[in-house]
C-alpha atoms as a PDB file:
ATOM      1  CA  MET A   1      -5.273  -5.404  91.174  1.00  0.00           C
ATOM      2  CA  ILE A   2      -2.028  -7.825  90.621  1.00  0.00           C
ATOM      3  CA  THR A   3       0.094  -5.250  90.523  1.00  0.00           C
ATOM      4  CA  LEU A   4      -1.428  -3.402  93.466  1.00  0.00           C
ATOM      5  CA  VAL A   5      -0.485  -6.711  95.613  1.00  0.00           C
ATOM      6  CA  TYR A   6       2.883  -6.899  94.170  1.00  0.00           C
ATOM      7  CA  ILE A   7       2.947  -2.960  95.673  1.00  0.00           C
ATOM      8  CA  ILE A   8       1.874  -4.013  98.890  1.00  0.00           C
ATOM      9  CA  TYR A   9       4.258  -6.974  99.401  1.00  0.00           C
ATOM     10  CA  GLY A  10       6.998  -4.729  98.207  1.00  0.00           C
ATOM     11  CA  LEU A  11       6.077  -1.900 101.064  1.00  0.00           C
ATOM     12  CA  HIS A  12       5.932  -4.615 103.508  1.00  0.00           C
ATOM     13  CA  PHE A  13       9.376  -6.148 102.399  1.00  0.00           C
ATOM     14  CA  PHE A  14      10.916  -2.747 102.307  1.00  0.00           C
ATOM     15  CA  SER A  15      10.287  -1.852 105.982  1.00  0.00           C
ATOM     16  CA  ALA A  16      11.523  -5.436 106.790  1.00  0.00           C
ATOM     17  CA  LEU A  17      14.605  -4.855 105.106  1.00  0.00           C
ATOM     18  CA  ASN A  18      15.246  -1.607 106.894  1.00  0.00           C
ATOM     19  CA  GLY A  19      15.459  -3.569 110.125  1.00  0.00           C
ATOM     20  CA  VAL A  20      17.635  -6.015 108.530  1.00  0.00           C
ATOM     21  CA  LEU A  21      19.949  -2.991 107.328  1.00  0.00           C
ATOM     22  CA  SER A  22      19.624  -0.554 110.306  1.00  0.00           C
ATOM     23  CA  SER A  23      20.233  -1.112 114.148  1.00  0.00           C
ATOM     24  CA  ALA A  24      16.083  -1.935 114.409  1.00  0.00           C
ATOM     25  CA  PHE A  25      14.831  -5.296 114.538  1.00  0.00           C
ATOM     26  CA  ILE A  26      12.943  -6.555 111.491  1.00  0.00           C
ATOM     27  CA  LEU A  27       9.740  -7.250 113.622  1.00  0.00           C
ATOM     28  CA  THR A  28       9.923  -3.463 114.906  1.00  0.00           C
ATOM     29  CA  ALA A  29      10.630  -1.954 111.412  1.00  0.00           C
ATOM     30  CA  PHE A  30       8.105  -3.846 109.888  1.00  0.00           C
ATOM     31  CA  LEU A  31       5.383  -2.944 112.632  1.00  0.00           C
ATOM     32  CA  THR A  32       6.275   0.870 112.877  1.00  0.00           C
ATOM     33  CA  GLY A  33       7.521   1.495 109.363  1.00  0.00           C
ATOM     34  CA  TRP A  34       5.565   4.031 106.699  1.00  0.00           C
ATOM     35  CA  PRO A  35       5.707   1.699 104.052  1.00  0.00           C
ATOM     36  CA  SER A  36       4.012  -1.125 105.879  1.00  0.00           C
ATOM     37  CA  ILE A  37       1.310   0.985 107.614  1.00  0.00           C
ATOM     38  CA  ILE A  38       0.287   2.066 104.498  1.00  0.00           C
ATOM     39  CA  ALA A  39       0.243  -1.620 102.926  1.00  0.00           C
ATOM     40  CA  VAL A  40      -1.949  -2.501 105.783  1.00  0.00           C
ATOM     41  CA  ILE A  41      -4.397   0.362 104.975  1.00  0.00           C
ATOM     42  CA  ILE A  42      -4.316  -0.223 101.212  1.00  0.00           C
ATOM     43  CA  SER A  43      -5.007  -3.958 102.056  1.00  0.00           C
ATOM     44  CA  TYR A  44      -7.980  -3.192 104.188  1.00  0.00           C
ATOM     45  CA  ALA A  45      -9.096  -0.383 101.783  1.00  0.00           C
ATOM     46  CA  LYS A  46      -8.648  -2.924  98.681  1.00  0.00           C
ATOM     47  CA  ARG A  47      -9.637  -6.201  99.777  1.00  0.00           C
ATOM     48  CA  GLY A  48     -13.350  -5.909  99.218  1.00  0.00           C
ATOM     49  CA  GLU A  49     -12.665  -5.419  95.444  1.00  0.00           C
ATOM     50  CA  ALA A  50     -10.996  -8.872  95.344  1.00  0.00           C
ATOM     51  CA  VAL A  51     -13.592 -10.818  96.556  1.00  0.00           C
ATOM     52  CA  ASP A  52     -13.854 -14.492  95.297  1.00  0.00           C
ATOM     53  CA  THR A  53     -10.674 -14.018  93.679  1.00  0.00           C
ATOM     54  CA  TYR A  54      -7.081 -15.637  94.831  1.00  0.00           C
ATOM     55  CA  LEU A  55      -6.144 -12.385  95.461  1.00  0.00           C
ATOM     56  CA  GLN A  56      -8.526 -11.840  98.608  1.00  0.00           C
ATOM     57  CA  SER A  57      -6.543 -14.420 100.218  1.00  0.00           C
ATOM     58  CA  HIS A  58      -3.399 -12.334  99.647  1.00  0.00           C
ATOM     59  CA  PHE A  59      -4.890  -9.236 101.244  1.00  0.00           C
ATOM     60  CA  GLU A  60      -6.035 -11.508 104.324  1.00  0.00           C
ATOM     61  CA  TRP A  61      -2.532 -12.796 104.721  1.00  0.00           C
ATOM     62  CA  LEU A  62      -0.916  -9.541 104.410  1.00  0.00           C
ATOM     63  CA  ILE A  63      -3.290  -8.212 107.232  1.00  0.00           C
ATOM     64  CA  GLN A  64      -2.956 -10.981 109.433  1.00  0.00           C
ATOM     65  CA  THR A  65       1.071 -11.189 108.932  1.00  0.00           C
ATOM     66  CA  PHE A  66       0.836  -7.338 110.092  1.00  0.00           C
ATOM     67  CA  TRP A  67      -1.604  -8.146 113.382  1.00  0.00           C
ATOM     68  CA  TYR A  68       0.008 -11.549 114.575  1.00  0.00           C
ATOM     69  CA  ALA A  69       3.701  -9.806 114.264  1.00  0.00           C
ATOM     70  CA  LEU A  70       1.745  -7.124 116.382  1.00  0.00           C
ATOM     71  CA  LEU A  71       0.630  -9.703 118.731  1.00  0.00           C
ATOM     72  CA  TRP A  72       3.779 -11.407 119.245  1.00  0.00           C
ATOM     73  CA  LEU A  73       5.797  -8.106 119.642  1.00  0.00           C
ATOM     74  CA  ILE A  74       3.158  -6.943 122.447  1.00  0.00           C
ATOM     75  CA  VAL A  75       3.586 -10.631 124.014  1.00  0.00           C
ATOM     76  CA  SER A  76       7.650 -10.192 123.799  1.00  0.00           C
ATOM     77  CA  ILE A  77       7.416  -6.851 125.599  1.00  0.00           C
ATOM     78  CA  LEU A  78       5.567  -8.086 128.459  1.00  0.00           C
ATOM     79  CA  ILE A  79       7.915 -11.209 129.087  1.00  0.00           C
ATOM     80  CA  ALA A  80      10.678  -8.810 128.819  1.00  0.00           C
ATOM     81  CA  LEU A  81       9.480  -7.206 131.704  1.00  0.00           C
ATOM     82  CA  THR A  82      10.871  -9.532 133.790  1.00  0.00           C
ATOM     83  CA  PHE A  83      14.703  -9.788 134.325  1.00  0.00           C
ATOM     84  CA  PHE A  84      14.742 -13.524 133.058  1.00  0.00           C
ATOM     85  CA  GLY A  85      12.664 -12.980 130.279  1.00  0.00           C
ATOM     86  CA  ILE A  86      14.900 -10.518 128.560  1.00  0.00           C
ATOM     87  CA  PRO A  87      16.578 -13.158 126.373  1.00  0.00           C
ATOM     88  CA  ILE A  88      13.429 -15.307 125.378  1.00  0.00           C
ATOM     89  CA  ALA A  89      11.703 -12.025 124.296  1.00  0.00           C
ATOM     90  CA  PHE A  90      14.727 -10.995 122.302  1.00  0.00           C
ATOM     91  CA  LEU A  91      14.546 -14.410 120.706  1.00  0.00           C
ATOM     92  CA  MET A  92      10.727 -14.146 120.182  1.00  0.00           C
ATOM     93  CA  ILE A  93      11.360 -10.811 118.539  1.00  0.00           C
ATOM     94  CA  VAL A  94      13.893 -12.180 115.895  1.00  0.00           C
ATOM     95  CA  LEU A  95      11.997 -15.358 115.320  1.00  0.00           C
ATOM     96  CA  THR A  96       8.546 -13.135 114.775  1.00  0.00           C
ATOM     97  CA  GLY A  97      10.777 -11.234 112.384  1.00  0.00           C
ATOM     98  CA  LEU A  98      12.092 -14.305 110.218  1.00  0.00           C
ATOM     99  CA  TRP A  99       8.435 -15.293 110.419  1.00  0.00           C
ATOM    100  CA  VAL A 100       7.384 -12.090 108.722  1.00  0.00           C
ATOM    101  CA  ILE A 101       9.929 -12.328 105.933  1.00  0.00           C
ATOM    102  CA  TYR A 102       9.165 -15.877 105.285  1.00  0.00           C
ATOM    103  CA  ARG A 103       5.287 -14.647 105.068  1.00  0.00           C
ATOM    104  CA  ILE A 104       6.281 -12.097 102.363  1.00  0.00           C
ATOM    105  CA  ILE A 105       8.428 -14.157 100.120  1.00  0.00           C
ATOM    106  CA  ARG A 106       5.689 -17.260 100.327  1.00  0.00           C
ATOM    107  CA  GLY A 107       2.970 -14.732  99.361  1.00  0.00           C
ATOM    108  CA  VAL A 108       5.256 -13.381  96.360  1.00  0.00           C
ATOM    109  CA  LEU A 109       5.828 -16.605  95.194  1.00  0.00           C
ATOM    110  CA  ASN A 110       2.243 -17.687  95.393  1.00  0.00           C
ATOM    111  CA  LEU A 111       1.059 -14.528  93.801  1.00  0.00           C
ATOM    112  CA  MET A 112       3.629 -15.136  90.732  1.00  0.00           C
ATOM    113  CA  ASP A 113       1.922 -18.663  90.294  1.00  0.00           C
ATOM    114  CA  LYS A 114      -1.592 -17.040  90.674  1.00  0.00           C
ATOM    115  CA  LYS A 115      -2.019 -19.355  93.827  1.00  0.00           C
ATOM    116  CA  SER A 116      -4.309 -18.536  97.044  1.00  0.00           C
ATOM    117  CA  MET A 117      -2.772 -18.247 100.349  1.00  0.00           C
ATOM    118  CA  PRO A 118      -3.731 -20.774 102.740  1.00  0.00           C
ATOM    119  CA  MET A 119      -5.952 -18.984 105.783  1.00  0.00           C
ATOM    120  CA  LEU A 120      -5.695 -19.122 109.392  1.00  0.00           C
END
């Protein structure tokens, strides 16, 4: 199960990395990349098998990262609908992308130390 969680983090990181290396934003690559979508599906499917272990918090952490990133993207799009909101939306998208990378790295580091993730 630990290997599976590493794979899920890797899938999310691969999607985010595509955003860094391409013309896409980190956030949009993370949310629309097949690796991340597959990772979220696996997280939902397998989190029940990790109940009462520190791995359960990692599944929840990854699921929350995905959905909060989507929420901030939607908020950014709504803000961008106004002419003056475009720079703010751009900044929000960039900062949310960096937040996604932070959560992936923090999750992997805690997984390596066999630590639980804090829950919101």
